[in-house]
Amino acid sequence: MKTEDDLLFYDDVEAVKFILQNLPSNLKTTVTEEKVEYVLDVIYEFYEEQGLIEEDTAEAAYIDEEDMFLYLKKCIEKDAMDISEEEISHILEGEYEYGKSIGVYE
């Protein structure tokens, strides 16, 4: 089980850098820092709405990836962001890999 201290190592700035550096070459020119930051913000909104972020706990939780993807698509459409499904997928994968690299995800 992760402790609250483990979550303190999650650095949004480093996450964005990590994601951008690990994108496939065909997306490096279309995925901007702004897009990554937007997707990360929406991911956090999703976690909050699902009750997955609790200030006093850092227990493991199940995240329905399909629900998160659909939530992201809905927000992107509502906010008129120009982010493709392929870009969403790679940003999500990068966020997951960043989390694994710092021990937030197993």
PDB file of N, CA and C in Angstrom:
ATOM      1  N   MET A   1       0.837  -1.174   0.000  1.00  0.00           N
ATOM      2  CA  MET A   1       0.000   0.000   0.000  1.00  0.00           C
ATOM      3  C   MET A   1       0.887   1.244   0.000  1.00  0.00           C
ATOM      4  N   LYS A   2       0.528   2.207  -0.828  1.00  0.00           N
ATOM      5  CA  LYS A   2       1.261   3.469  -0.885  1.00  0.00           C
ATOM      6  C   LYS A   2       0.869   4.337   0.298  1.00  0.00           C
ATOM      7  N   THR A   3       1.826   5.087   0.788  1.00  0.00           N
ATOM      8  CA  THR A   3       1.532   6.015   1.867  1.00  0.00           C
ATOM      9  C   THR A   3       1.355   7.406   1.300  1.00  0.00           C
ATOM     10  N   GLU A   4       0.838   8.304   2.116  1.00  0.00           N
ATOM     11  CA  GLU A   4       0.647   9.680   1.671  1.00  0.00           C
ATOM     12  C   GLU A   4       1.977  10.302   1.263  1.00  0.00           C
ATOM     13  N   ASP A   5       3.063   9.941   1.938  1.00  0.00           N
ATOM     14  CA  ASP A   5       4.379  10.481   1.602  1.00  0.00           C
ATOM     15  C   ASP A   5       4.804  10.096   0.187  1.00  0.00           C
ATOM     16  N   ASP A   6       4.412   8.880  -0.274  1.00  0.00           N
ATOM     17  CA  ASP A   6       4.749   8.455  -1.631  1.00  0.00           C
ATOM     18  C   ASP A   6       4.145   9.397  -2.660  1.00  0.00           C
ATOM     19  N   LEU A   7       2.939   9.889  -2.404  1.00  0.00           N
ATOM     20  CA  LEU A   7       2.256  10.750  -3.358  1.00  0.00           C
ATOM     21  C   LEU A   7       2.890  12.130  -3.436  1.00  0.00           C
ATOM     22  N   LEU A   8       3.656  12.506  -2.416  1.00  0.00           N
ATOM     23  CA  LEU A   8       4.303  13.803  -2.441  1.00  0.00           C
ATOM     24  C   LEU A   8       5.386  13.882  -3.508  1.00  0.00           C
ATOM     25  N   PHE A   9       5.838  12.735  -3.990  1.00  0.00           N
ATOM     26  CA  PHE A   9       6.881  12.701  -5.011  1.00  0.00           C
ATOM     27  C   PHE A   9       6.332  12.965  -6.411  1.00  0.00           C
ATOM     28  N   TYR A  10       5.014  12.973  -6.569  1.00  0.00           N
ATOM     29  CA  TYR A  10       4.418  13.231  -7.880  1.00  0.00           C
ATOM     30  C   TYR A  10       4.543  14.714  -8.173  1.00  0.00           C
ATOM     31  N   ASP A  11       5.332  15.029  -9.177  1.00  0.00           N
ATOM     32  CA  ASP A  11       5.605  16.415  -9.544  1.00  0.00           C
ATOM     33  C   ASP A  11       4.991  16.659 -10.918  1.00  0.00           C
ATOM     34  N   ASP A  12       3.990  17.540 -10.980  1.00  0.00           N
ATOM     35  CA  ASP A  12       3.302  17.804 -12.242  1.00  0.00           C
ATOM     36  C   ASP A  12       4.250  18.272 -13.339  1.00  0.00           C
ATOM     37  N   VAL A  13       5.185  19.124 -12.992  1.00  0.00           N
ATOM     38  CA  VAL A  13       6.133  19.639 -13.985  1.00  0.00           C
ATOM     39  C   VAL A  13       6.980  18.492 -14.543  1.00  0.00           C
ATOM     40  N   GLU A  14       7.465  17.640 -13.666  1.00  0.00           N
ATOM     41  CA  GLU A  14       8.260  16.490 -14.104  1.00  0.00           C
ATOM     42  C   GLU A  14       7.408  15.510 -14.900  1.00  0.00           C
ATOM     43  N   ALA A  15       6.152  15.345 -14.513  1.00  0.00           N
ATOM     44  CA  ALA A  15       5.253  14.453 -15.245  1.00  0.00           C
ATOM     45  C   ALA A  15       5.079  14.939 -16.683  1.00  0.00           C
ATOM     46  N   VAL A  16       4.860  16.236 -16.851  1.00  0.00           N
ATOM     47  CA  VAL A  16       4.699  16.803 -18.192  1.00  0.00           C
ATOM     48  C   VAL A  16       5.967  16.574 -19.014  1.00  0.00           C
ATOM     49  N   LYS A  17       7.133  16.862 -18.424  1.00  0.00           N
ATOM     50  CA  LYS A  17       8.404  16.648 -19.129  1.00  0.00           C
ATOM     51  C   LYS A  17       8.553  15.183 -19.543  1.00  0.00           C
ATOM     52  N   PHE A  18       8.276  14.291 -18.604  1.00  0.00           N
ATOM     53  CA  PHE A  18       8.398  12.853 -18.854  1.00  0.00           C
ATOM     54  C   PHE A  18       7.501  12.436 -20.009  1.00  0.00           C
ATOM     55  N   ILE A  19       6.253  12.873 -19.975  1.00  0.00           N
ATOM     56  CA  ILE A  19       5.293  12.508 -21.013  1.00  0.00           C
ATOM     57  C   ILE A  19       5.755  13.015 -22.374  1.00  0.00           C
ATOM     58  N   LEU A  20       6.150  14.281 -22.440  1.00  0.00           N
ATOM     59  CA  LEU A  20       6.592  14.861 -23.711  1.00  0.00           C
ATOM     60  C   LEU A  20       7.824  14.153 -24.257  1.00  0.00           C
ATOM     61  N   GLN A  21       8.748  13.782 -23.381  1.00  0.00           N
ATOM     62  CA  GLN A  21       9.980  13.114 -23.820  1.00  0.00           C
ATOM     63  C   GLN A  21       9.724  11.701 -24.331  1.00  0.00           C
ATOM     64  N   ASN A  22       8.647  11.075 -23.842  1.00  0.00           N
ATOM     65  CA  ASN A  22       8.409   9.673 -24.176  1.00  0.00           C
ATOM     66  C   ASN A  22       7.311   9.455 -25.211  1.00  0.00           C
ATOM     67  N   LEU A  23       6.893  10.516 -25.864  1.00  0.00           N
ATOM     68  CA  LEU A  23       5.903  10.386 -26.929  1.00  0.00           C
ATOM     69  C   LEU A  23       6.529   9.744 -28.161  1.00  0.00           C
ATOM     70  N   PRO A  24       5.723   9.029 -28.947  1.00  0.00           N
ATOM     71  CA  PRO A  24       6.235   8.536 -30.234  1.00  0.00           C
ATOM     72  C   PRO A  24       6.626   9.726 -31.104  1.00  0.00           C
ATOM     73  N   SER A  25       7.592   9.538 -31.958  1.00  0.00           N
ATOM     74  CA  SER A  25       8.108  10.651 -32.763  1.00  0.00           C
ATOM     75  C   SER A  25       7.032  11.330 -33.602  1.00  0.00           C
ATOM     76  N   ASN A  26       6.040  10.589 -34.073  1.00  0.00           N
ATOM     77  CA  ASN A  26       4.994  11.201 -34.900  1.00  0.00           C
ATOM     78  C   ASN A  26       4.081  12.143 -34.110  1.00  0.00           C
ATOM     79  N   LEU A  27       4.124  12.098 -32.786  1.00  0.00           N
ATOM     80  CA  LEU A  27       3.280  12.977 -31.972  1.00  0.00           C
ATOM     81  C   LEU A  27       4.056  14.123 -31.319  1.00  0.00           C
ATOM     82  N   LYS A  28       5.369  14.090 -31.414  1.00  0.00           N
ATOM     83  CA  LYS A  28       6.180  15.114 -30.744  1.00  0.00           C
ATOM     84  C   LYS A  28       5.917  16.524 -31.270  1.00  0.00           C
ATOM     85  N   THR A  29       5.439  16.646 -32.492  1.00  0.00           N
ATOM     86  CA  THR A  29       5.166  17.980 -33.036  1.00  0.00           C
ATOM     87  C   THR A  29       3.733  18.436 -32.785  1.00  0.00           C
ATOM     88  N   THR A  30       2.836  17.504 -32.451  1.00  0.00           N
ATOM     89  CA  THR A  30       1.435  17.890 -32.253  1.00  0.00           C
ATOM     90  C   THR A  30       1.023  17.952 -30.788  1.00  0.00           C
ATOM     91  N   VAL A  31       1.664  17.171 -29.945  1.00  0.00           N
ATOM     92  CA  VAL A  31       1.312  17.181 -28.519  1.00  0.00           C
ATOM     93  C   VAL A  31       2.146  18.258 -27.836  1.00  0.00           C
ATOM     94  N   THR A  32       1.468  19.278 -27.347  1.00  0.00           N
ATOM     95  CA  THR A  32       2.133  20.405 -26.699  1.00  0.00           C
ATOM     96  C   THR A  32       2.076  20.261 -25.183  1.00  0.00           C
ATOM     97  N   GLU A  33       2.870  21.070 -24.521  1.00  0.00           N
ATOM     98  CA  GLU A  33       2.840  21.117 -23.063  1.00  0.00           C
ATOM     99  C   GLU A  33       1.429  21.470 -22.580  1.00  0.00           C
ATOM    100  N   GLU A  34       0.781  22.400 -23.279  1.00  0.00           N
ATOM    101  CA  GLU A  34      -0.581  22.808 -22.909  1.00  0.00           C
ATOM    102  C   GLU A  34      -1.551  21.623 -22.972  1.00  0.00           C
ATOM    103  N   LYS A  35      -1.446  20.805 -24.013  1.00  0.00           N
ATOM    104  CA  LYS A  35      -2.322  19.637 -24.136  1.00  0.00           C
ATOM    105  C   LYS A  35      -2.096  18.655 -22.990  1.00  0.00           C
ATOM    106  N   VAL A  36      -0.839  18.407 -22.670  1.00  0.00           N
ATOM    107  CA  VAL A  36      -0.519  17.467 -21.595  1.00  0.00           C
ATOM    108  C   VAL A  36      -1.044  18.006 -20.269  1.00  0.00           C
ATOM    109  N   GLU A  37      -0.809  19.276 -19.999  1.00  0.00           N
ATOM    110  CA  GLU A  37      -1.298  19.872 -18.748  1.00  0.00           C
ATOM    111  C   GLU A  37      -2.815  19.802 -18.671  1.00  0.00           C
ATOM    112  N   TYR A  38      -3.494  20.053 -19.776  1.00  0.00           N
ATOM    113  CA  TYR A  38      -4.952  19.981 -19.805  1.00  0.00           C
ATOM    114  C   TYR A  38      -5.413  18.560 -19.463  1.00  0.00           C
ATOM    115  N   VAL A  39      -4.836  17.562 -20.126  1.00  0.00           N
ATOM    116  CA  VAL A  39      -5.236  16.175 -19.878  1.00  0.00           C
ATOM    117  C   VAL A  39      -4.969  15.795 -18.425  1.00  0.00           C
ATOM    118  N   LEU A  40      -3.827  16.186 -17.883  1.00  0.00           N
ATOM    119  CA  LEU A  40      -3.541  15.884 -16.480  1.00  0.00           C
ATOM    120  C   LEU A  40      -4.566  16.533 -15.562  1.00  0.00           C
ATOM    121  N   ASP A  41      -4.933  17.767 -15.836  1.00  0.00           N
ATOM    122  CA  ASP A  41      -5.954  18.441 -15.028  1.00  0.00           C
ATOM    123  C   ASP A  41      -7.282  17.688 -15.075  1.00  0.00           C
ATOM    124  N   VAL A  42      -7.666  17.244 -16.252  1.00  0.00           N
ATOM    125  CA  VAL A  42      -8.927  16.511 -16.389  1.00  0.00           C
ATOM    126  C   VAL A  42      -8.845  15.154 -15.692  1.00  0.00           C
ATOM    127  N   ILE A  43      -7.686  14.506 -15.746  1.00  0.00           N
ATOM    128  CA  ILE A  43      -7.507  13.243 -15.024  1.00  0.00           C
ATOM    129  C   ILE A  43      -7.751  13.469 -13.531  1.00  0.00           C
ATOM    130  N   TYR A  44      -7.187  14.546 -12.968  1.00  0.00           N
ATOM    131  CA  TYR A  44      -7.366  14.831 -11.546  1.00  0.00           C
ATOM    132  C   TYR A  44      -8.827  15.118 -11.228  1.00  0.00           C
ATOM    133  N   GLU A  45      -9.524  15.827 -12.141  1.00  0.00           N
ATOM    134  CA  GLU A  45     -10.959  16.067 -11.964  1.00  0.00           C
ATOM    135  C   GLU A  45     -11.712  14.734 -11.925  1.00  0.00           C
ATOM    136  N   PHE A  46     -11.352  13.837 -12.822  1.00  0.00           N
ATOM    137  CA  PHE A  46     -11.985  12.522 -12.874  1.00  0.00           C
ATOM    138  C   PHE A  46     -11.764  11.784 -11.549  1.00  0.00           C
ATOM    139  N   TYR A  47     -10.517  11.779 -11.071  1.00  0.00           N
ATOM    140  CA  TYR A  47     -10.211  11.112  -9.801  1.00  0.00           C
ATOM    141  C   TYR A  47     -11.053  11.689  -8.668  1.00  0.00           C
ATOM    142  N   GLU A  48     -11.172  13.008  -8.623  1.00  0.00           N
ATOM    143  CA  GLU A  48     -11.958  13.652  -7.571  1.00  0.00           C
ATOM    144  C   GLU A  48     -13.425  13.272  -7.677  1.00  0.00           C
ATOM    145  N   GLU A  49     -13.983  13.323  -8.882  1.00  0.00           N
ATOM    146  CA  GLU A  49     -15.390  12.976  -9.066  1.00  0.00           C
ATOM    147  C   GLU A  49     -15.674  11.521  -8.714  1.00  0.00           C
ATOM    148  N   GLN A  50     -14.703  10.666  -8.922  1.00  0.00           N
ATOM    149  CA  GLN A  50     -14.853   9.243  -8.617  1.00  0.00           C
ATOM    150  C   GLN A  50     -14.536   8.926  -7.158  1.00  0.00           C
ATOM    151  N   GLY A  51     -14.129   9.933  -6.394  1.00  0.00           N
ATOM    152  CA  GLY A  51     -13.779   9.721  -4.988  1.00  0.00           C
ATOM    153  C   GLY A  51     -12.476   8.984  -4.808  1.00  0.00           C
ATOM    154  N   LEU A  52     -11.580   9.112  -5.776  1.00  0.00           N
ATOM    155  CA  LEU A  52     -10.312   8.381  -5.719  1.00  0.00           C
ATOM    156  C   LEU A  52      -9.204   9.178  -5.054  1.00  0.00           C
ATOM    157  N   ILE A  53      -9.459  10.450  -4.799  1.00  0.00           N
ATOM    158  CA  ILE A  53      -8.453  11.275  -4.131  1.00  0.00           C
ATOM    159  C   ILE A  53      -8.974  11.639  -2.754  1.00  0.00           C
ATOM    160  N   GLU A  54      -8.330  11.079  -1.765  1.00  0.00           N
ATOM    161  CA  GLU A  54      -8.677  11.350  -0.373  1.00  0.00           C
ATOM    162  C   GLU A  54      -7.454  11.968   0.283  1.00  0.00           C
ATOM    163  N   GLU A  55      -7.649  13.047   0.996  1.00  0.00           N
ATOM    164  CA  GLU A  55      -6.498  13.721   1.608  1.00  0.00           C
ATOM    165  C   GLU A  55      -5.819  12.889   2.674  1.00  0.00           C
ATOM    166  N   ASP A  56      -6.553  12.037   3.361  1.00  0.00           N
ATOM    167  CA  ASP A  56      -5.973  11.315   4.485  1.00  0.00           C
ATOM    168  C   ASP A  56      -5.594   9.871   4.168  1.00  0.00           C
ATOM    169  N   THR A  57      -5.646   9.496   2.887  1.00  0.00           N
ATOM    170  CA  THR A  57      -5.285   8.135   2.552  1.00  0.00           C
ATOM    171  C   THR A  57      -4.603   8.078   1.185  1.00  0.00           C
ATOM    172  N   ALA A  58      -3.835   7.037   1.013  1.00  0.00           N
ATOM    173  CA  ALA A  58      -3.177   6.821  -0.280  1.00  0.00           C
ATOM    174  C   ALA A  58      -3.312   5.351  -0.658  1.00  0.00           C
ATOM    175  N   GLU A  59      -4.447   4.763  -0.306  1.00  0.00           N
ATOM    176  CA  GLU A  59      -4.657   3.350  -0.593  1.00  0.00           C
ATOM    177  C   GLU A  59      -4.837   3.122  -2.081  1.00  0.00           C
ATOM    178  N   ALA A  60      -4.531   1.910  -2.509  1.00  0.00           N
ATOM    179  CA  ALA A  60      -4.690   1.537  -3.910  1.00  0.00           C
ATOM    180  C   ALA A  60      -6.165   1.603  -4.287  1.00  0.00           C
ATOM    181  N   ALA A  61      -6.421   2.006  -5.514  1.00  0.00           N
ATOM    182  CA  ALA A  61      -7.790   2.104  -5.998  1.00  0.00           C
ATOM    183  C   ALA A  61      -7.858   1.563  -7.415  1.00  0.00           C
ATOM    184  N   TYR A  62      -9.016   1.057  -7.772  1.00  0.00           N
ATOM    185  CA  TYR A  62      -9.243   0.586  -9.138  1.00  0.00           C
ATOM    186  C   TYR A  62      -9.698   1.768  -9.985  1.00  0.00           C
ATOM    187  N   ILE A  63      -9.075   1.952 -11.127  1.00  0.00           N
ATOM    188  CA  ILE A  63      -9.438   3.030 -12.038  1.00  0.00           C
ATOM    189  C   ILE A  63      -9.909   2.400 -13.339  1.00  0.00           C
ATOM    190  N   ASP A  64     -11.151   2.678 -13.705  1.00  0.00           N
ATOM    191  CA  ASP A  64     -11.698   2.171 -14.953  1.00  0.00           C
ATOM    192  C   ASP A  64     -11.148   3.030 -16.092  1.00  0.00           C
ATOM    193  N   GLU A  65     -10.196   2.484 -16.826  1.00  0.00           N
ATOM    194  CA  GLU A  65      -9.514   3.247 -17.873  1.00  0.00           C
ATOM    195  C   GLU A  65     -10.471   3.673 -18.989  1.00  0.00           C
ATOM    196  N   GLU A  66     -11.435   2.829 -19.307  1.00  0.00           N
ATOM    197  CA  GLU A  66     -12.395   3.181 -20.353  1.00  0.00           C
ATOM    198  C   GLU A  66     -13.269   4.358 -19.908  1.00  0.00           C
ATOM    199  N   ASP A  67     -13.724   4.332 -18.654  1.00  0.00           N
ATOM    200  CA  ASP A  67     -14.515   5.453 -18.123  1.00  0.00           C
ATOM    201  C   ASP A  67     -13.700   6.748 -18.130  1.00  0.00           C
ATOM    202  N   MET A  68     -12.423   6.651 -17.752  1.00  0.00           N
ATOM    203  CA  MET A  68     -11.573   7.832 -17.741  1.00  0.00           C
ATOM    204  C   MET A  68     -11.387   8.369 -19.163  1.00  0.00           C
ATOM    205  N   PHE A  69     -11.172   7.481 -20.111  1.00  0.00           N
ATOM    206  CA  PHE A  69     -10.987   7.888 -21.501  1.00  0.00           C
ATOM    207  C   PHE A  69     -12.245   8.597 -22.020  1.00  0.00           C
ATOM    208  N   LEU A  70     -13.418   8.024 -21.737  1.00  0.00           N
ATOM    209  CA  LEU A  70     -14.675   8.633 -22.178  1.00  0.00           C
ATOM    210  C   LEU A  70     -14.904   9.980 -21.501  1.00  0.00           C
ATOM    211  N   TYR A  71     -14.543  10.084 -20.235  1.00  0.00           N
ATOM    212  CA  TYR A  71     -14.655  11.343 -19.500  1.00  0.00           C
ATOM    213  C   TYR A  71     -13.746  12.397 -20.153  1.00  0.00           C
ATOM    214  N   LEU A  72     -12.533  11.999 -20.472  1.00  0.00           N
ATOM    215  CA  LEU A  72     -11.597  12.913 -21.137  1.00  0.00           C
ATOM    216  C   LEU A  72     -12.152  13.384 -22.483  1.00  0.00           C
ATOM    217  N   LYS A  73     -12.663  12.457 -23.281  1.00  0.00           N
ATOM    218  CA  LYS A  73     -13.217  12.819 -24.587  1.00  0.00           C
ATOM    219  C   LYS A  73     -14.355  13.828 -24.430  1.00  0.00           C
ATOM    220  N   LYS A  74     -15.216  13.602 -23.445  1.00  0.00           N
ATOM    221  CA  LYS A  74     -16.342  14.501 -23.215  1.00  0.00           C
ATOM    222  C   LYS A  74     -15.854  15.895 -22.823  1.00  0.00           C
ATOM    223  N   CYS A  75     -14.885  15.971 -21.942  1.00  0.00           N
ATOM    224  CA  CYS A  75     -14.338  17.265 -21.511  1.00  0.00           C
ATOM    225  C   CYS A  75     -13.629  17.982 -22.658  1.00  0.00           C
ATOM    226  N   ILE A  76     -12.874  17.237 -23.444  1.00  0.00           N
ATOM    227  CA  ILE A  76     -12.153  17.812 -24.574  1.00  0.00           C
ATOM    228  C   ILE A  76     -13.136  18.411 -25.575  1.00  0.00           C
ATOM    229  N   GLU A  77     -14.214  17.684 -25.831  1.00  0.00           N
ATOM    230  CA  GLU A  77     -15.234  18.194 -26.752  1.00  0.00           C
ATOM    231  C   GLU A  77     -15.907  19.447 -26.169  1.00  0.00           C
ATOM    232  N   LYS A  78     -16.277  19.380 -24.896  1.00  0.00           N
ATOM    233  CA  LYS A  78     -16.948  20.509 -24.235  1.00  0.00           C
ATOM    234  C   LYS A  78     -16.062  21.751 -24.230  1.00  0.00           C
ATOM    235  N   ASP A  79     -14.774  21.562 -23.991  1.00  0.00           N
ATOM    236  CA  ASP A  79     -13.839  22.684 -23.908  1.00  0.00           C
ATOM    237  C   ASP A  79     -13.238  23.054 -25.269  1.00  0.00           C
ATOM    238  N   ALA A  80     -13.681  22.367 -26.322  1.00  0.00           N
ATOM    239  CA  ALA A  80     -13.218  22.620 -27.693  1.00  0.00           C
ATOM    240  C   ALA A  80     -11.689  22.562 -27.806  1.00  0.00           C
ATOM    241  N   MET A  81     -11.100  21.566 -27.150  1.00  0.00           N
ATOM    242  CA  MET A  81      -9.658  21.351 -27.252  1.00  0.00           C
ATOM    243  C   MET A  81      -9.385  20.480 -28.477  1.00  0.00           C
ATOM    244  N   ASP A  82      -8.276  20.730 -29.125  1.00  0.00           N
ATOM    245  CA  ASP A  82      -7.881  19.976 -30.305  1.00  0.00           C
ATOM    246  C   ASP A  82      -6.910  18.872 -29.888  1.00  0.00           C
ATOM    247  N   ILE A  83      -7.486  17.812 -29.335  1.00  0.00           N
ATOM    248  CA  ILE A  83      -6.672  16.680 -28.873  1.00  0.00           C
ATOM    249  C   ILE A  83      -7.308  15.413 -29.431  1.00  0.00           C
ATOM    250  N   SER A  84      -6.533  14.670 -30.214  1.00  0.00           N
ATOM    251  CA  SER A  84      -7.055  13.455 -30.844  1.00  0.00           C
ATOM    252  C   SER A  84      -7.083  12.290 -29.856  1.00  0.00           C
ATOM    253  N   GLU A  85      -7.824  11.248 -30.227  1.00  0.00           N
ATOM    254  CA  GLU A  85      -7.876  10.046 -29.391  1.00  0.00           C
ATOM    255  C   GLU A  85      -6.495   9.424 -29.256  1.00  0.00           C
ATOM    256  N   GLU A  86      -5.717   9.451 -30.339  1.00  0.00           N
ATOM    257  CA  GLU A  86      -4.359   8.907 -30.291  1.00  0.00           C
ATOM    258  C   GLU A  86      -3.511   9.696 -29.288  1.00  0.00           C
ATOM    259  N   GLU A  87      -3.644  11.019 -29.318  1.00  0.00           N
ATOM    260  CA  GLU A  87      -2.890  11.850 -28.380  1.00  0.00           C
ATOM    261  C   GLU A  87      -3.323  11.576 -26.949  1.00  0.00           C
ATOM    262  N   ILE A  88      -4.631  11.446 -26.722  1.00  0.00           N
ATOM    263  CA  ILE A  88      -5.138  11.123 -25.377  1.00  0.00           C
ATOM    264  C   ILE A  88      -4.494   9.827 -24.892  1.00  0.00           C
ATOM    265  N   SER A  89      -4.542   8.809 -25.729  1.00  0.00           N
ATOM    266  CA  SER A  89      -4.007   7.495 -25.349  1.00  0.00           C
ATOM    267  C   SER A  89      -2.539   7.572 -24.950  1.00  0.00           C
ATOM    268  N   HIS A  90      -1.749   8.293 -25.728  1.00  0.00           N
ATOM    269  CA  HIS A  90      -0.317   8.368 -25.440  1.00  0.00           C
ATOM    270  C   HIS A  90      -0.027   9.239 -24.218  1.00  0.00           C
ATOM    271  N   ILE A  91      -0.806  10.268 -24.010  1.00  0.00           N
ATOM    272  CA  ILE A  91      -0.630  11.084 -22.799  1.00  0.00           C
ATOM    273  C   ILE A  91      -0.990  10.259 -21.572  1.00  0.00           C
ATOM    274  N   LEU A  92      -2.089   9.506 -21.642  1.00  0.00           N
ATOM    275  CA  LEU A  92      -2.473   8.637 -20.521  1.00  0.00           C
ATOM    276  C   LEU A  92      -1.399   7.587 -20.247  1.00  0.00           C
ATOM    277  N   GLU A  93      -0.869   6.993 -21.306  1.00  0.00           N
ATOM    278  CA  GLU A  93       0.188   5.985 -21.143  1.00  0.00           C
ATOM    279  C   GLU A  93       1.427   6.617 -20.516  1.00  0.00           C
ATOM    280  N   GLY A  94       1.770   7.821 -20.965  1.00  0.00           N
ATOM    281  CA  GLY A  94       2.921   8.515 -20.392  1.00  0.00           C
ATOM    282  C   GLY A  94       2.731   8.857 -18.936  1.00  0.00           C
ATOM    283  N   GLU A  95       1.519   9.265 -18.574  1.00  0.00           N
ATOM    284  CA  GLU A  95       1.233   9.587 -17.169  1.00  0.00           C
ATOM    285  C   GLU A  95       1.355   8.339 -16.312  1.00  0.00           C
ATOM    286  N   TYR A  96       0.854   7.230 -16.832  1.00  0.00           N
ATOM    287  CA  TYR A  96       0.950   5.965 -16.107  1.00  0.00           C
ATOM    288  C   TYR A  96       2.414   5.544 -15.936  1.00  0.00           C
ATOM    289  N   GLU A  97       3.184   5.648 -16.997  1.00  0.00           N
ATOM    290  CA  GLU A  97       4.603   5.274 -16.927  1.00  0.00           C
ATOM    291  C   GLU A  97       5.364   6.191 -15.968  1.00  0.00           C
ATOM    292  N   TYR A  98       5.033   7.470 -15.971  1.00  0.00           N
ATOM    293  CA  TYR A  98       5.675   8.379 -15.012  1.00  0.00           C
ATOM    294  C   TYR A  98       5.330   7.945 -13.594  1.00  0.00           C
ATOM    295  N   GLY A  99       4.063   7.675 -13.350  1.00  0.00           N
ATOM    296  CA  GLY A  99       3.650   7.216 -12.019  1.00  0.00           C
ATOM    297  C   GLY A  99       4.358   5.941 -11.587  1.00  0.00           C
ATOM    298  N   LYS A 100       4.511   5.002 -12.529  1.00  0.00           N
ATOM    299  CA  LYS A 100       5.244   3.762 -12.219  1.00  0.00           C
ATOM    300  C   LYS A 100       6.701   4.076 -11.899  1.00  0.00           C
ATOM    301  N   SER A 101       7.296   5.020 -12.640  1.00  0.00           N
ATOM    302  CA  SER A 101       8.713   5.317 -12.456  1.00  0.00           C
ATOM    303  C   SER A 101       9.020   5.914 -11.079  1.00  0.00           C
ATOM    304  N   ILE A 102       8.022   6.536 -10.461  1.00  0.00           N
ATOM    305  CA  ILE A 102       8.249   7.116  -9.130  1.00  0.00           C
ATOM    306  C   ILE A 102       7.556   6.298  -8.029  1.00  0.00           C
ATOM    307  N   GLY A 103       6.958   5.158  -8.395  1.00  0.00           N
ATOM    308  CA  GLY A 103       6.382   4.265  -7.403  1.00  0.00           C
ATOM    309  C   GLY A 103       4.950   4.556  -6.990  1.00  0.00           C
ATOM    310  N   VAL A 104       4.258   5.436  -7.713  1.00  0.00           N
ATOM    311  CA  VAL A 104       2.865   5.718  -7.371  1.00  0.00           C
ATOM    312  C   VAL A 104       1.972   4.582  -7.840  1.00  0.00           C
ATOM    313  N   TYR A 105       2.272   4.042  -9.024  1.00  0.00           N
ATOM    314  CA  TYR A 105       1.497   2.908  -9.560  1.00  0.00           C
ATOM    315  C   TYR A 105       2.371   1.668  -9.536  1.00  0.00           C
ATOM    316  N   GLU A 106       1.697   0.550  -9.375  1.00  0.00           N
ATOM    317  CA  GLU A 106       2.413  -0.733  -9.353  1.00  0.00           C
ATOM    318  C   GLU A 106       2.310  -1.411 -10.682  1.00  0.00           C
TER     319      GLU A 106
END
